[in-house]
Amino acid sequence: MGTGVGSAIYAALEAAAKRAGISLLFVDASEGARRLFERQGFNVEARNVFTIGGMAIHNYRT
């Protein structure tokens, strides 16, 4: 964390989306990735809670 790898990957993804004419991006981000996407200008719309294999987990729709 904090090495810039996530930001570099996001920048490449955003550039590819722009070249493809995609004007809207969204993500269901993990707890750890939430701050990365918020730094990129995403806003949290909802906290999703669900169960996988009997274990409750969550992520964030941004």
PDB file of N, CA and C in Angstrom:
ATOM      1  N   MET A   1       0.839  -1.186   0.000  1.00  0.00           N
ATOM      2  CA  MET A   1       0.000   0.000   0.000  1.00  0.00           C
ATOM      3  C   MET A   1       0.878   1.241   0.000  1.00  0.00           C
ATOM      4  N   GLY A   2       0.402   2.269  -0.678  1.00  0.00           N
ATOM      5  CA  GLY A   2       1.106   3.539  -0.681  1.00  0.00           C
ATOM      6  C   GLY A   2       2.261   3.619  -1.647  1.00  0.00           C
ATOM      7  N   THR A   3       2.368   2.663  -2.574  1.00  0.00           N
ATOM      8  CA  THR A   3       3.483   2.683  -3.525  1.00  0.00           C
ATOM      9  C   THR A   3       3.109   3.294  -4.867  1.00  0.00           C
ATOM     10  N   GLY A   4       1.833   3.594  -5.070  1.00  0.00           N
ATOM     11  CA  GLY A   4       1.390   4.205  -6.316  1.00  0.00           C
ATOM     12  C   GLY A   4       0.956   3.214  -7.381  1.00  0.00           C
ATOM     13  N   VAL A   5       1.060   1.934  -7.091  1.00  0.00           N
ATOM     14  CA  VAL A   5       0.688   0.925  -8.084  1.00  0.00           C
ATOM     15  C   VAL A   5      -0.804   1.007  -8.412  1.00  0.00           C
ATOM     16  N   GLY A   6      -1.645   1.097  -7.396  1.00  0.00           N
ATOM     17  CA  GLY A   6      -3.089   1.189  -7.631  1.00  0.00           C
ATOM     18  C   GLY A   6      -3.460   2.417  -8.437  1.00  0.00           C
ATOM     19  N   SER A   7      -2.852   3.541  -8.133  1.00  0.00           N
ATOM     20  CA  SER A   7      -3.124   4.776  -8.875  1.00  0.00           C
ATOM     21  C   SER A   7      -2.677   4.649 -10.323  1.00  0.00           C
ATOM     22  N   ALA A   8      -1.542   4.006 -10.561  1.00  0.00           N
ATOM     23  CA  ALA A   8      -1.056   3.810 -11.929  1.00  0.00           C
ATOM     24  C   ALA A   8      -1.993   2.899 -12.718  1.00  0.00           C
ATOM     25  N   ILE A   9      -2.455   1.836 -12.084  1.00  0.00           N
ATOM     26  CA  ILE A   9      -3.395   0.931 -12.754  1.00  0.00           C
ATOM     27  C   ILE A   9      -4.689   1.672 -13.062  1.00  0.00           C
ATOM     28  N   TYR A  10      -5.181   2.460 -12.102  1.00  0.00           N
ATOM     29  CA  TYR A  10      -6.410   3.212 -12.337  1.00  0.00           C
ATOM     30  C   TYR A  10      -6.231   4.196 -13.496  1.00  0.00           C
ATOM     31  N   ALA A  11      -5.102   4.907 -13.537  1.00  0.00           N
ATOM     32  CA  ALA A  11      -4.848   5.882 -14.608  1.00  0.00           C
ATOM     33  C   ALA A  11      -4.870   5.195 -15.971  1.00  0.00           C
ATOM     34  N   ALA A  12      -4.279   4.007 -16.068  1.00  0.00           N
ATOM     35  CA  ALA A  12      -4.286   3.271 -17.334  1.00  0.00           C
ATOM     36  C   ALA A  12      -5.700   2.835 -17.702  1.00  0.00           C
ATOM     37  N   LEU A  13      -6.466   2.392 -16.725  1.00  0.00           N
ATOM     38  CA  LEU A  13      -7.846   1.985 -16.968  1.00  0.00           C
ATOM     39  C   LEU A  13      -8.698   3.167 -17.430  1.00  0.00           C
ATOM     40  N   GLU A  14      -8.535   4.300 -16.757  1.00  0.00           N
ATOM     41  CA  GLU A  14      -9.305   5.486 -17.136  1.00  0.00           C
ATOM     42  C   GLU A  14      -8.940   5.951 -18.549  1.00  0.00           C
ATOM     43  N   ALA A  15      -7.675   5.924 -18.888  1.00  0.00           N
ATOM     44  CA  ALA A  15      -7.250   6.320 -20.241  1.00  0.00           C
ATOM     45  C   ALA A  15      -7.843   5.381 -21.286  1.00  0.00           C
ATOM     46  N   ALA A  16      -7.841   4.082 -21.018  1.00  0.00           N
ATOM     47  CA  ALA A  16      -8.425   3.116 -21.951  1.00  0.00           C
ATOM     48  C   ALA A  16      -9.926   3.344 -22.104  1.00  0.00           C
ATOM     49  N   ALA A  17     -10.608   3.650 -21.004  1.00  0.00           N
ATOM     50  CA  ALA A  17     -12.048   3.923 -21.064  1.00  0.00           C
ATOM     51  C   ALA A  17     -12.324   5.157 -21.915  1.00  0.00           C
ATOM     52  N   LYS A  18     -11.528   6.196 -21.736  1.00  0.00           N
ATOM     53  CA  LYS A  18     -11.718   7.413 -22.540  1.00  0.00           C
ATOM     54  C   LYS A  18     -11.506   7.131 -24.021  1.00  0.00           C
ATOM     55  N   ARG A  19     -10.455   6.373 -24.345  1.00  0.00           N
ATOM     56  CA  ARG A  19     -10.208   6.031 -25.754  1.00  0.00           C
ATOM     57  C   ARG A  19     -11.362   5.232 -26.346  1.00  0.00           C
ATOM     58  N   ALA A  20     -12.017   4.428 -25.514  1.00  0.00           N
ATOM     59  CA  ALA A  20     -13.133   3.600 -25.968  1.00  0.00           C
ATOM     60  C   ALA A  20     -14.463   4.353 -25.967  1.00  0.00           C
ATOM     61  N   GLY A  21     -14.442   5.629 -25.555  1.00  0.00           N
ATOM     62  CA  GLY A  21     -15.665   6.422 -25.536  1.00  0.00           C
ATOM     63  C   GLY A  21     -16.550   6.165 -24.329  1.00  0.00           C
ATOM     64  N   ILE A  22     -16.008   5.553 -23.300  1.00  0.00           N
ATOM     65  CA  ILE A  22     -16.770   5.277 -22.079  1.00  0.00           C
ATOM     66  C   ILE A  22     -16.698   6.508 -21.183  1.00  0.00           C
ATOM     67  N   SER A  23     -17.838   7.063 -20.843  1.00  0.00           N
ATOM     68  CA  SER A  23     -17.858   8.317 -20.092  1.00  0.00           C
ATOM     69  C   SER A  23     -18.233   8.146 -18.625  1.00  0.00           C
ATOM     70  N   LEU A  24     -18.610   6.940 -18.221  1.00  0.00           N
ATOM     71  CA  LEU A  24     -19.011   6.708 -16.835  1.00  0.00           C
ATOM     72  C   LEU A  24     -18.361   5.435 -16.316  1.00  0.00           C
ATOM     73  N   LEU A  25     -17.668   5.561 -15.201  1.00  0.00           N
ATOM     74  CA  LEU A  25     -17.079   4.402 -14.538  1.00  0.00           C
ATOM     75  C   LEU A  25     -17.662   4.287 -13.145  1.00  0.00           C
ATOM     76  N   PHE A  26     -17.854   3.066 -12.689  1.00  0.00           N
ATOM     77  CA  PHE A  26     -18.254   2.830 -11.311  1.00  0.00           C
ATOM     78  C   PHE A  26     -17.527   1.594 -10.830  1.00  0.00           C
ATOM     79  N   VAL A  27     -17.505   1.415  -9.535  1.00  0.00           N
ATOM     80  CA  VAL A  27     -16.796   0.268  -8.965  1.00  0.00           C
ATOM     81  C   VAL A  27     -17.475  -0.158  -7.670  1.00  0.00           C
ATOM     82  N   ASP A  28     -17.432  -1.440  -7.390  1.00  0.00           N
ATOM     83  CA  ASP A  28     -17.774  -1.960  -6.071  1.00  0.00           C
ATOM     84  C   ASP A  28     -16.443  -2.208  -5.386  1.00  0.00           C
ATOM     85  N   ALA A  29     -16.024  -1.273  -4.549  1.00  0.00           N
ATOM     86  CA  ALA A  29     -14.677  -1.267  -3.973  1.00  0.00           C
ATOM     87  C   ALA A  29     -14.639  -1.930  -2.606  1.00  0.00           C
ATOM     88  N   SER A  30     -13.557  -2.648  -2.370  1.00  0.00           N
ATOM     89  CA  SER A  30     -13.330  -3.236  -1.056  1.00  0.00           C
ATOM     90  C   SER A  30     -13.023  -2.127  -0.050  1.00  0.00           C
ATOM     91  N   GLU A  31     -12.997  -2.509   1.201  1.00  0.00           N
ATOM     92  CA  GLU A  31     -12.652  -1.546   2.252  1.00  0.00           C
ATOM     93  C   GLU A  31     -11.280  -0.930   1.975  1.00  0.00           C
ATOM     94  N   GLY A  32     -10.328  -1.760   1.589  1.00  0.00           N
ATOM     95  CA  GLY A  32      -8.976  -1.269   1.331  1.00  0.00           C
ATOM     96  C   GLY A  32      -8.864  -0.389   0.110  1.00  0.00           C
ATOM     97  N   ALA A  33      -9.676  -0.652  -0.924  1.00  0.00           N
ATOM     98  CA  ALA A  33      -9.600   0.115  -2.170  1.00  0.00           C
ATOM     99  C   ALA A  33     -10.451   1.378  -2.142  1.00  0.00           C
ATOM    100  N   ARG A  34     -11.320   1.487  -1.190  1.00  0.00           N
ATOM    101  CA  ARG A  34     -12.246   2.623  -1.126  1.00  0.00           C
ATOM    102  C   ARG A  34     -11.509   3.958  -1.177  1.00  0.00           C
ATOM    103  N   ARG A  35     -10.459   4.126  -0.386  1.00  0.00           N
ATOM    104  CA  ARG A  35      -9.738   5.406  -0.351  1.00  0.00           C
ATOM    105  C   ARG A  35      -9.071   5.724  -1.687  1.00  0.00           C
ATOM    106  N   LEU A  36      -8.547   4.713  -2.357  1.00  0.00           N
ATOM    107  CA  LEU A  36      -7.945   4.929  -3.677  1.00  0.00           C
ATOM    108  C   LEU A  36      -8.955   5.558  -4.626  1.00  0.00           C
ATOM    109  N   PHE A  37     -10.149   4.982  -4.672  1.00  0.00           N
ATOM    110  CA  PHE A  37     -11.160   5.490  -5.589  1.00  0.00           C
ATOM    111  C   PHE A  37     -11.679   6.861  -5.153  1.00  0.00           C
ATOM    112  N   GLU A  38     -11.784   7.100  -3.876  1.00  0.00           N
ATOM    113  CA  GLU A  38     -12.193   8.426  -3.418  1.00  0.00           C
ATOM    114  C   GLU A  38     -11.157   9.475  -3.822  1.00  0.00           C
ATOM    115  N   ARG A  39      -9.879   9.140  -3.774  1.00  0.00           N
ATOM    116  CA  ARG A  39      -8.833  10.075  -4.220  1.00  0.00           C
ATOM    117  C   ARG A  39      -8.922  10.356  -5.711  1.00  0.00           C
ATOM    118  N   GLN A  40      -9.512   9.435  -6.455  1.00  0.00           N
ATOM    119  CA  GLN A  40      -9.689   9.623  -7.893  1.00  0.00           C
ATOM    120  C   GLN A  40     -10.972  10.382  -8.218  1.00  0.00           C
ATOM    121  N   GLY A  41     -11.718  10.781  -7.214  1.00  0.00           N
ATOM    122  CA  GLY A  41     -12.927  11.568  -7.429  1.00  0.00           C
ATOM    123  C   GLY A  41     -14.230  10.801  -7.320  1.00  0.00           C
ATOM    124  N   PHE A  42     -14.169   9.526  -7.024  1.00  0.00           N
ATOM    125  CA  PHE A  42     -15.390   8.735  -6.853  1.00  0.00           C
ATOM    126  C   PHE A  42     -16.038   9.083  -5.517  1.00  0.00           C
ATOM    127  N   ASN A  43     -17.354   8.987  -5.463  1.00  0.00           N
ATOM    128  CA  ASN A  43     -18.117   9.195  -4.233  1.00  0.00           C
ATOM    129  C   ASN A  43     -18.834   7.908  -3.874  1.00  0.00           C
ATOM    130  N   VAL A  44     -18.825   7.564  -2.599  1.00  0.00           N
ATOM    131  CA  VAL A  44     -19.522   6.365  -2.142  1.00  0.00           C
ATOM    132  C   VAL A  44     -21.026   6.615  -2.213  1.00  0.00           C
ATOM    133  N   GLU A  45     -21.716   5.730  -2.926  1.00  0.00           N
ATOM    134  CA  GLU A  45     -23.169   5.814  -3.037  1.00  0.00           C
ATOM    135  C   GLU A  45     -23.860   4.916  -2.022  1.00  0.00           C
ATOM    136  N   ALA A  46     -23.245   3.775  -1.729  1.00  0.00           N
ATOM    137  CA  ALA A  46     -23.879   2.824  -0.821  1.00  0.00           C
ATOM    138  C   ALA A  46     -22.849   1.847  -0.276  1.00  0.00           C
ATOM    139  N   ARG A  47     -23.138   1.327   0.901  1.00  0.00           N
ATOM    140  CA  ARG A  47     -22.355   0.234   1.478  1.00  0.00           C
ATOM    141  C   ARG A  47     -23.155  -1.034   1.234  1.00  0.00           C
ATOM    142  N   ASN A  48     -22.573  -1.973   0.520  1.00  0.00           N
ATOM    143  CA  ASN A  48     -23.235  -3.231   0.211  1.00  0.00           C
ATOM    144  C   ASN A  48     -22.817  -4.279   1.227  1.00  0.00           C
ATOM    145  N   VAL A  49     -23.775  -4.972   1.804  1.00  0.00           N
ATOM    146  CA  VAL A  49     -23.501  -6.057   2.739  1.00  0.00           C
ATOM    147  C   VAL A  49     -24.108  -7.325   2.146  1.00  0.00           C
ATOM    148  N   PHE A  50     -23.308  -8.377   2.083  1.00  0.00           N
ATOM    149  CA  PHE A  50     -23.803  -9.636   1.545  1.00  0.00           C
ATOM    150  C   PHE A  50     -23.060 -10.784   2.203  1.00  0.00           C
ATOM    151  N   THR A  51     -23.530 -11.990   1.947  1.00  0.00           N
ATOM    152  CA  THR A  51     -22.967 -13.178   2.578  1.00  0.00           C
ATOM    153  C   THR A  51     -22.415 -14.106   1.509  1.00  0.00           C
ATOM    154  N   ILE A  52     -21.194 -14.553   1.732  1.00  0.00           N
ATOM    155  CA  ILE A  52     -20.574 -15.545   0.851  1.00  0.00           C
ATOM    156  C   ILE A  52     -20.062 -16.681   1.737  1.00  0.00           C
ATOM    157  N   GLY A  53     -20.538 -17.879   1.464  1.00  0.00           N
ATOM    158  CA  GLY A  53     -20.110 -19.030   2.249  1.00  0.00           C
ATOM    159  C   GLY A  53     -20.403 -18.892   3.727  1.00  0.00           C
ATOM    160  N   GLY A  54     -21.514 -18.237   4.044  1.00  0.00           N
ATOM    161  CA  GLY A  54     -21.912 -18.058   5.427  1.00  0.00           C
ATOM    162  C   GLY A  54     -21.205 -16.921   6.144  1.00  0.00           C
ATOM    163  N   MET A  55     -20.348 -16.185   5.443  1.00  0.00           N
ATOM    164  CA  MET A  55     -19.615 -15.086   6.068  1.00  0.00           C
ATOM    165  C   MET A  55     -20.115 -13.749   5.520  1.00  0.00           C
ATOM    166  N   ALA A  56     -20.524 -12.862   6.415  1.00  0.00           N
ATOM    167  CA  ALA A  56     -20.990 -11.533   6.011  1.00  0.00           C
ATOM    168  C   ALA A  56     -19.781 -10.685   5.649  1.00  0.00           C
ATOM    169  N   ILE A  57     -19.839 -10.066   4.467  1.00  0.00           N
ATOM    170  CA  ILE A  57     -18.784  -9.155   4.030  1.00  0.00           C
ATOM    171  C   ILE A  57     -19.433  -7.907   3.454  1.00  0.00           C
ATOM    172  N   HIS A  58     -18.622  -6.906   3.174  1.00  0.00           N
ATOM    173  CA  HIS A  58     -19.187  -5.685   2.595  1.00  0.00           C
ATOM    174  C   HIS A  58     -18.199  -5.079   1.596  1.00  0.00           C
ATOM    175  N   ASN A  59     -18.750  -4.204   0.760  1.00  0.00           N
ATOM    176  CA  ASN A  59     -17.959  -3.366  -0.128  1.00  0.00           C
ATOM    177  C   ASN A  59     -18.722  -2.076  -0.339  1.00  0.00           C
ATOM    178  N   TYR A  60     -18.196  -1.211  -1.165  1.00  0.00           N
ATOM    179  CA  TYR A  60     -18.795   0.106  -1.369  1.00  0.00           C
ATOM    180  C   TYR A  60     -19.051   0.352  -2.835  1.00  0.00           C
ATOM    181  N   ARG A  61     -20.274   0.733  -3.174  1.00  0.00           N
ATOM    182  CA  ARG A  61     -20.606   1.133  -4.540  1.00  0.00           C
ATOM    183  C   ARG A  61     -20.201   2.581  -4.689  1.00  0.00           C
ATOM    184  N   THR A  62     -19.296   2.839  -5.629  1.00  0.00           N
ATOM    185  CA  THR A  62     -18.850   4.215  -5.853  1.00  0.00           C
ATOM    186  C   THR A  62     -19.164   4.638  -7.259  1.00  0.00           C
TER     187      THR A  62
END
